[in-house]
C-alpha atoms as a PDB file:
ATOM      1  CA  MET A   1     117.507-105.054  -3.939  1.00  0.00           C
ATOM      2  CA  SER A   2     120.146-107.527  -4.527  1.00  0.00           C
ATOM      3  CA  TYR A   3     123.858-107.086  -3.820  1.00  0.00           C
ATOM      4  CA  GLU A   4     125.107-107.473  -7.239  1.00  0.00           C
ATOM      5  CA  PHE A   5     122.380-105.018  -8.665  1.00  0.00           C
ATOM      6  CA  GLU A   6     123.621-102.297  -6.335  1.00  0.00           C
ATOM      7  CA  TYR A   7     127.707-103.384  -6.707  1.00  0.00           C
ATOM      8  CA  PRO A   8     127.803-105.378 -10.043  1.00  0.00           C
ATOM      9  CA  LEU A   9     131.063-107.318 -10.734  1.00  0.00           C
ATOM     10  CA  ALA A  10     133.771-105.181 -12.523  1.00  0.00           C
ATOM     11  CA  ALA A  11     133.094-107.288 -15.546  1.00  0.00           C
ATOM     12  CA  HIS A  12     129.229-106.081 -15.986  1.00  0.00           C
ATOM     13  CA  ALA A  13     129.918-102.990 -14.529  1.00  0.00           C
ATOM     14  CA  VAL A  14     129.598 -99.780 -16.468  1.00  0.00           C
ATOM     15  CA  ALA A  15     133.439 -98.359 -17.944  1.00  0.00           C
ATOM     16  CA  SER A  16     133.596 -95.269 -15.630  1.00  0.00           C
ATOM     17  CA  GLU A  17     132.306 -97.457 -12.398  1.00  0.00           C
ATOM     18  CA  ARG A  18     134.962-100.327 -13.601  1.00  0.00           C
ATOM     19  CA  ALA A  19     137.689 -97.569 -13.991  1.00  0.00           C
ATOM     20  CA  LEU A  20     136.796 -96.027 -10.788  1.00  0.00           C
ATOM     21  CA  PHE A  21     137.123 -99.472  -8.925  1.00  0.00           C
ATOM     22  CA  ILE A  22     140.499-100.399 -10.722  1.00  0.00           C
ATOM     23  CA  ARG A  23     141.774 -96.835  -9.712  1.00  0.00           C
ATOM     24  CA  ARG A  24     140.893 -97.097  -6.009  1.00  0.00           C
ATOM     25  CA  THR A  25     142.131-100.621  -5.963  1.00  0.00           C
ATOM     26  CA  TYR A  26     145.717 -99.937  -6.966  1.00  0.00           C
ATOM     27  CA  SER A  27     145.678 -96.501  -4.838  1.00  0.00           C
ATOM     28  CA  HIS A  28     144.718 -98.474  -1.902  1.00  0.00           C
ATOM     29  CA  LEU A  29     147.732-101.061  -2.605  1.00  0.00           C
ATOM     30  CA  ALA A  30     150.182 -98.219  -2.764  1.00  0.00           C
ATOM     31  CA  GLY A  31     148.724 -96.901   0.186  1.00  0.00           C
ATOM     32  CA  ALA A  32     149.624-100.202   1.990  1.00  0.00           C
ATOM     33  CA  ILE A  33     153.208-100.773   0.583  1.00  0.00           C
ATOM     34  CA  LEU A  34     153.907 -97.372   1.796  1.00  0.00           C
ATOM     35  CA  ALA A  35     152.203 -98.147   5.117  1.00  0.00           C
ATOM     36  CA  PHE A  36     154.563-101.233   5.302  1.00  0.00           C
ATOM     37  CA  MET A  37     157.463 -99.478   4.111  1.00  0.00           C
ATOM     38  CA  ALA A  38     157.143 -96.841   6.983  1.00  0.00           C
ATOM     39  CA  LEU A  39     156.229 -99.521  10.014  1.00  0.00           C
ATOM     40  CA  GLU A  40     159.004-101.699   8.854  1.00  0.00           C
ATOM     41  CA  THR A  41     161.344 -98.477   9.221  1.00  0.00           C
ATOM     42  CA  VAL A  42     160.303 -98.143  12.642  1.00  0.00           C
ATOM     43  CA  LEU A  43     160.138-101.284  13.998  1.00  0.00           C
ATOM     44  CA  LEU A  44     164.077-101.504  12.592  1.00  0.00           C
ATOM     45  CA  ASN A  45     164.810 -98.865  14.249  1.00  0.00           C
ATOM     46  CA  LEU A  46     163.455 -99.811  17.912  1.00  0.00           C
ATOM     47  CA  PRO A  47     165.653-100.354  20.765  1.00  0.00           C
ATOM     48  CA  GLY A  48     166.179-103.906  21.736  1.00  0.00           C
ATOM     49  CA  ILE A  49     164.438-104.833  18.374  1.00  0.00           C
ATOM     50  CA  GLU A  50     167.160-107.742  18.082  1.00  0.00           C
ATOM     51  CA  GLN A  51     165.573-109.676  21.288  1.00  0.00           C
ATOM     52  CA  LEU A  52     162.462-109.583  19.373  1.00  0.00           C
ATOM     53  CA  VAL A  53     163.849-111.031  16.191  1.00  0.00           C
ATOM     54  CA  ALA A  54     165.803-113.852  18.125  1.00  0.00           C
ATOM     55  CA  MET A  55     162.919-114.565  20.162  1.00  0.00           C
ATOM     56  CA  MET A  56     160.690-115.185  16.665  1.00  0.00           C
ATOM     57  CA  ILE A  57     163.563-117.331  15.133  1.00  0.00           C
ATOM     58  CA  GLY A  58     165.449-118.814  17.820  1.00  0.00           C
ATOM     59  CA  SER A  59     164.102-122.167  16.746  1.00  0.00           C
ATOM     60  CA  GLY A  60     162.482-123.748  14.028  1.00  0.00           C
ATOM     61  CA  VAL A  61     159.290-124.406  16.392  1.00  0.00           C
ATOM     62  CA  SER A  62     159.188-120.756  17.411  1.00  0.00           C
ATOM     63  CA  TRP A  63     159.434-119.863  14.017  1.00  0.00           C
ATOM     64  CA  LEU A  64     156.633-122.374  13.199  1.00  0.00           C
ATOM     65  CA  VAL A  65     154.498-120.795  15.798  1.00  0.00           C
ATOM     66  CA  VAL A  66     154.756-117.340  14.266  1.00  0.00           C
ATOM     67  CA  LEU A  67     154.183-118.251  11.037  1.00  0.00           C
ATOM     68  CA  GLY A  68     150.816-120.067  12.364  1.00  0.00           C
ATOM     69  CA  LEU A  69     149.690-116.853  14.110  1.00  0.00           C
ATOM     70  CA  PHE A  70     150.294-115.138  10.624  1.00  0.00           C
ATOM     71  CA  MET A  71     148.060-117.045   8.913  1.00  0.00           C
ATOM     72  CA  VAL A  72     145.124-117.189  11.373  1.00  0.00           C
ATOM     73  CA  VAL A  73     145.576-113.579  11.668  1.00  0.00           C
ATOM     74  CA  GLY A  74     145.872-113.236   7.974  1.00  0.00           C
ATOM     75  CA  TRP A  75     142.431-115.062   7.503  1.00  0.00           C
ATOM     76  CA  ILE A  76     140.838-112.834  10.195  1.00  0.00           C
ATOM     77  CA  ALA A  77     142.136-109.690   8.023  1.00  0.00           C
ATOM     78  CA  GLN A  78     141.068-110.911   4.617  1.00  0.00           C
ATOM     79  CA  THR A  79     137.355-112.057   6.216  1.00  0.00           C
ATOM     80  CA  TRP A  80     137.128-108.420   7.609  1.00  0.00           C
ATOM     81  CA  ALA A  81     138.337-106.632   4.440  1.00  0.00           C
ATOM     82  CA  GLN A  82     135.768-108.907   2.492  1.00  0.00           C
ATOM     83  CA  SER A  83     132.868-107.346   4.694  1.00  0.00           C
ATOM     84  CA  ASN A  84     129.674-106.419   2.647  1.00  0.00           C
ATOM     85  CA  THR A  85     128.347-104.470   5.879  1.00  0.00           C
ATOM     86  CA  SER A  86     131.125-102.348   7.086  1.00  0.00           C
ATOM     87  CA  ARG A  87     133.453-100.379   4.967  1.00  0.00           C
ATOM     88  CA  GLY A  88     135.379 -99.696   8.469  1.00  0.00           C
ATOM     89  CA  MET A  89     135.588-103.268   8.793  1.00  0.00           C
ATOM     90  CA  GLN A  90     137.107-103.796   5.756  1.00  0.00           C
ATOM     91  CA  TYR A  91     139.786-101.097   5.904  1.00  0.00           C
ATOM     92  CA  LEU A  92     140.567-102.442   9.574  1.00  0.00           C
ATOM     93  CA  GLY A  93     141.276-105.740   7.991  1.00  0.00           C
ATOM     94  CA  LEU A  94     143.603-104.254   5.264  1.00  0.00           C
ATOM     95  CA  ALA A  95     145.459-102.321   8.259  1.00  0.00           C
ATOM     96  CA  LEU A  96     145.695-105.486  10.162  1.00  0.00           C
ATOM     97  CA  TYR A  97     146.845-107.433   7.327  1.00  0.00           C
ATOM     98  CA  VAL A  98     149.925-104.650   6.724  1.00  0.00           C
ATOM     99  CA  VAL A  99     150.766-104.649  10.374  1.00  0.00           C
ATOM    100  CA  ALA A 100     151.002-108.569  10.367  1.00  0.00           C
ATOM    101  CA  GLU A 101     153.498-108.714   7.432  1.00  0.00           C
ATOM    102  CA  ALA A 102     155.565-105.992   9.160  1.00  0.00           C
ATOM    103  CA  ILE A 103     155.917-108.411  11.999  1.00  0.00           C
ATOM    104  CA  ILE A 104     156.717-111.489  10.124  1.00  0.00           C
ATOM    105  CA  PHE A 105     159.121-109.784   7.617  1.00  0.00           C
ATOM    106  CA  LEU A 106     160.795-108.005  10.678  1.00  0.00           C
ATOM    107  CA  PRO A 107     163.490-111.012  11.260  1.00  0.00           C
ATOM    108  CA  LEU A 108     164.612-111.202   7.092  1.00  0.00           C
ATOM    109  CA  LEU A 109     164.646-107.630   7.134  1.00  0.00           C
ATOM    110  CA  TYR A 110     166.507-107.191  10.213  1.00  0.00           C
ATOM    111  CA  ILE A 111     169.280-109.532   8.636  1.00  0.00           C
ATOM    112  CA  ALA A 112     169.319-108.364   5.179  1.00  0.00           C
ATOM    113  CA  ALA A 113     169.750-104.582   7.263  1.00  0.00           C
ATOM    114  CA  TYR A 114     172.372-105.128   9.518  1.00  0.00           C
ATOM    115  CA  PHE A 115     174.223-108.394   8.391  1.00  0.00           C
ATOM    116  CA  THR A 116     174.373-108.016   4.053  1.00  0.00           C
ATOM    117  CA  ASP A 117     174.879-105.901   1.670  1.00  0.00           C
ATOM    118  CA  ALA A 118     173.007-102.588   2.035  1.00  0.00           C
ATOM    119  CA  SER A 119     171.773-102.383  -1.627  1.00  0.00           C
ATOM    120  CA  VAL A 120     170.152-106.010  -0.917  1.00  0.00           C
ATOM    121  CA  ILE A 121     166.727-104.385  -0.161  1.00  0.00           C
ATOM    122  CA  PRO A 122     166.011-101.776  -2.493  1.00  0.00           C
ATOM    123  CA  THR A 123     167.249-104.437  -5.473  1.00  0.00           C
ATOM    124  CA  ALA A 124     164.868-106.864  -4.024  1.00  0.00           C
ATOM    125  CA  GLY A 125     162.134-103.764  -3.842  1.00  0.00           C
ATOM    126  CA  ILE A 126     163.014-102.485  -7.527  1.00  0.00           C
ATOM    127  CA  LEU A 127     163.136-106.117  -8.807  1.00  0.00           C
ATOM    128  CA  THR A 128     159.617-107.072  -7.087  1.00  0.00           C
ATOM    129  CA  LEU A 129     157.743-104.130  -8.363  1.00  0.00           C
ATOM    130  CA  ALA A 130     159.034-104.795 -12.061  1.00  0.00           C
ATOM    131  CA  VAL A 131     158.019-108.504 -11.567  1.00  0.00           C
ATOM    132  CA  PHE A 132     154.880-107.466 -10.331  1.00  0.00           C
ATOM    133  CA  GLY A 133     154.491-104.193 -12.871  1.00  0.00           C
ATOM    134  CA  GLY A 134     155.134-106.663 -15.836  1.00  0.00           C
ATOM    135  CA  LEU A 135     152.496-109.194 -14.581  1.00  0.00           C
ATOM    136  CA  THR A 136     150.037-106.587 -13.990  1.00  0.00           C
ATOM    137  CA  LEU A 137     150.697-104.985 -17.606  1.00  0.00           C
ATOM    138  CA  ALA A 138     150.518-108.530 -19.400  1.00  0.00           C
ATOM    139  CA  VAL A 139     146.791-108.932 -17.954  1.00  0.00           C
ATOM    140  CA  PHE A 140     145.462-105.535 -18.784  1.00  0.00           C
ATOM    141  CA  VAL A 141     147.270-105.345 -22.369  1.00  0.00           C
ATOM    142  CA  THR A 142     146.186-109.228 -23.022  1.00  0.00           C
ATOM    143  CA  GLY A 143     142.694-108.702 -20.808  1.00  0.00           C
ATOM    144  CA  LYS A 144     142.992-112.440 -20.422  1.00  0.00           C
ATOM    145  CA  ASP A 145     140.751-114.205 -17.558  1.00  0.00           C
ATOM    146  CA  PHE A 146     143.347-116.299 -15.389  1.00  0.00           C
ATOM    147  CA  SER A 147     140.622-117.566 -12.874  1.00  0.00           C
ATOM    148  CA  TYR A 148     141.120-120.920 -14.231  1.00  0.00           C
ATOM    149  CA  LEU A 149     144.808-120.885 -12.271  1.00  0.00           C
ATOM    150  CA  GLY A 150     142.822-120.787  -8.690  1.00  0.00           C
ATOM    151  CA  PRO A 151     142.949-124.935  -8.125  1.00  0.00           C
ATOM    152  CA  ILE A 152     146.402-125.114  -9.692  1.00  0.00           C
ATOM    153  CA  LEU A 153     147.711-122.478  -7.152  1.00  0.00           C
ATOM    154  CA  SER A 154     145.879-123.682  -4.293  1.00  0.00           C
ATOM    155  CA  VAL A 155     147.714-127.470  -4.732  1.00  0.00           C
ATOM    156  CA  GLY A 156     151.004-125.412  -5.381  1.00  0.00           C
ATOM    157  CA  THR A 157     150.469-123.617  -2.285  1.00  0.00           C
ATOM    158  CA  LEU A 158     149.584-126.761  -0.269  1.00  0.00           C
ATOM    159  CA  LEU A 159     152.891-128.276  -1.010  1.00  0.00           C
ATOM    160  CA  ALA A 160     154.682-125.038  -0.479  1.00  0.00           C
ATOM    161  CA  LEU A 161     153.241-125.164   2.888  1.00  0.00           C
ATOM    162  CA  GLY A 162     154.353-128.479   3.473  1.00  0.00           C
ATOM    163  CA  PHE A 163     157.956-128.144   2.517  1.00  0.00           C
ATOM    164  CA  ILE A 164     158.215-125.219   4.722  1.00  0.00           C
ATOM    165  CA  VAL A 165     156.680-127.075   7.900  1.00  0.00           C
ATOM    166  CA  ALA A 166     159.096-130.188   6.909  1.00  0.00           C
ATOM    167  CA  SER A 167     161.913-127.853   6.915  1.00  0.00           C
ATOM    168  CA  LEU A 168     161.341-125.989  10.076  1.00  0.00           C
ATOM    169  CA  LEU A 169     160.501-129.423  11.934  1.00  0.00           C
ATOM    170  CA  ILE A 170     163.347-131.523  10.836  1.00  0.00           C
ATOM    171  CA  GLY A 171     165.734-128.703  10.346  1.00  0.00           C
ATOM    172  CA  PHE A 172     166.915-128.639   6.463  1.00  0.00           C
ATOM    173  CA  SER A 173     167.303-125.820   4.326  1.00  0.00           C
ATOM    174  CA  LEU A 174     164.968-125.217   1.384  1.00  0.00           C
ATOM    175  CA  GLY A 175     167.882-123.505  -0.304  1.00  0.00           C
ATOM    176  CA  THR A 176     167.401-120.848  -3.464  1.00  0.00           C
ATOM    177  CA  LEU A 177     165.733-123.428  -5.646  1.00  0.00           C
ATOM    178  CA  PHE A 178     162.533-123.235  -3.601  1.00  0.00           C
ATOM    179  CA  ALA A 179     162.588-119.495  -3.620  1.00  0.00           C
ATOM    180  CA  PHE A 180     162.793-119.640  -7.333  1.00  0.00           C
ATOM    181  CA  VAL A 181     159.847-121.938  -7.417  1.00  0.00           C
ATOM    182  CA  MET A 182     157.855-119.770  -4.940  1.00  0.00           C
ATOM    183  CA  VAL A 183     158.467-116.533  -7.316  1.00  0.00           C
ATOM    184  CA  ALA A 184     156.798-118.505 -10.075  1.00  0.00           C
ATOM    185  CA  LEU A 185     153.877-119.647  -7.480  1.00  0.00           C
ATOM    186  CA  ILE A 186     153.230-116.198  -6.552  1.00  0.00           C
ATOM    187  CA  SER A 187     153.663-114.701 -10.246  1.00  0.00           C
ATOM    188  CA  GLY A 188     150.457-117.005 -11.087  1.00  0.00           C
ATOM    189  CA  TYR A 189     148.969-115.608  -7.849  1.00  0.00           C
ATOM    190  CA  ILE A 190     149.341-112.238  -9.515  1.00  0.00           C
ATOM    191  CA  LEU A 191     147.920-113.034 -12.731  1.00  0.00           C
ATOM    192  CA  TYR A 192     145.249-114.433 -11.108  1.00  0.00           C
ATOM    193  CA  TYR A 193     144.326-111.718  -8.667  1.00  0.00           C
ATOM    194  CA  THR A 194     144.744-108.942 -11.149  1.00  0.00           C
ATOM    195  CA  SER A 195     142.377-110.724 -13.704  1.00  0.00           C
ATOM    196  CA  ASN A 196     139.768-111.338 -10.457  1.00  0.00           C
ATOM    197  CA  VAL A 197     140.243-107.178 -10.213  1.00  0.00           C
ATOM    198  CA  LEU A 198     138.799-106.962 -13.726  1.00  0.00           C
ATOM    199  CA  TYR A 199     136.347-109.527 -13.889  1.00  0.00           C
ATOM    200  CA  HIS A 200     135.424-111.179 -10.385  1.00  0.00           C
ATOM    201  CA  PHE A 201     135.458-108.717  -7.802  1.00  0.00           C
ATOM    202  CA  HIS A 202     132.454-106.457  -7.237  1.00  0.00           C
ATOM    203  CA  THR A 203     132.892-102.505  -7.674  1.00  0.00           C
ATOM    204  CA  ASP A 204     133.107-102.097  -4.107  1.00  0.00           C
ATOM    205  CA  GLN A 205     135.457-104.496  -3.056  1.00  0.00           C
ATOM    206  CA  HIS A 206     138.666-102.400  -3.682  1.00  0.00           C
ATOM    207  CA  VAL A 207     139.934-102.843  -0.256  1.00  0.00           C
ATOM    208  CA  ALA A 208     139.740-106.477  -0.495  1.00  0.00           C
ATOM    209  CA  ALA A 209     141.176-106.645  -3.950  1.00  0.00           C
ATOM    210  CA  ALA A 210     144.122-104.490  -2.781  1.00  0.00           C
ATOM    211  CA  LEU A 211     144.618-106.707   0.444  1.00  0.00           C
ATOM    212  CA  ALA A 212     144.775-109.598  -2.084  1.00  0.00           C
ATOM    213  CA  LEU A 213     147.327-107.989  -4.636  1.00  0.00           C
ATOM    214  CA  PHE A 214     149.312-106.570  -1.277  1.00  0.00           C
ATOM    215  CA  ALA A 215     149.927-110.132  -0.270  1.00  0.00           C
ATOM    216  CA  CYS A 216     151.391-111.019  -3.349  1.00  0.00           C
ATOM    217  CA  VAL A 217     153.487-108.286  -3.687  1.00  0.00           C
ATOM    218  CA  ALA A 218     154.559-108.950   0.182  1.00  0.00           C
ATOM    219  CA  THR A 219     155.180-112.647  -0.549  1.00  0.00           C
ATOM    220  CA  LEU A 220     157.021-112.076  -3.777  1.00  0.00           C
ATOM    221  CA  PHE A 221     159.440-109.376  -2.077  1.00  0.00           C
ATOM    222  CA  TRP A 222     160.079-111.898   0.630  1.00  0.00           C
ATOM    223  CA  TYR A 223     161.364-114.265  -1.870  1.00  0.00           C
ATOM    224  CA  VAL A 224     162.948-112.068  -4.352  1.00  0.00           C
ATOM    225  CA  LEU A 225     164.886-110.719  -1.202  1.00  0.00           C
ATOM    226  CA  ARG A 226     166.182-113.970  -0.191  1.00  0.00           C
ATOM    227  CA  ILE A 227     167.290-114.921  -3.617  1.00  0.00           C
ATOM    228  CA  VAL A 228     169.146-111.501  -3.997  1.00  0.00           C
ATOM    229  CA  MET A 229     170.823-112.295  -0.284  1.00  0.00           C
ATOM    230  CA  ALA A 230     171.696-115.806  -1.248  1.00  0.00           C
ATOM    231  CA  SER A 231     173.403-114.257  -4.550  1.00  0.00           C
ATOM    232  CA  ARG A 232     175.543-111.852  -2.054  1.00  0.00           C
ATOM    233  CA  ASP A 233     177.034-114.670  -0.228  1.00  0.00           C
END
């Protein structure tokens, strides 16, 4: 019996199976977001956490190493979350990715929490959820398949990574304009992965789908927070 016959694409599944897959995906996404918030709260209140933050962002090279490690761990987590043989491995992948995001967010949230207006984090969180919710609703209401955005988003991501690496090695600031460009890029990813949930994930891939959406929400929050912080300077 083929894998697709056992677990069809969401677009080919009966209505009840498709609805269950979508509910599972977004409940797991909500769980990942709550776990991220809990981990971040614990990390920000650990004694001596400022030393770890200073180590992570001590220089452009050190932060580049952190980003490199995050990309490797993220690739491993996504591979585990897409496992076709073990549900436990899928959940382990999602958990690993949430932990990795909590760690890489630590310096930015530490600065936001202790050196800026206390309202910047909740403000950025509300704006992030509003953007994500609006884009998600647009996909569900229109039913449009945005999978054609894949190659465009890949090129945009490579260009963005090039600018980030260059800024860390050369030492120039990317500025607020880059953050707005990244918000636009991640908005494209939200459209892409949301339509994939409707049409291109298999109905047992709710963990992998939740991870993909969580990655979008986390990255969107990162750049929205940067914009909000810059607006308070």
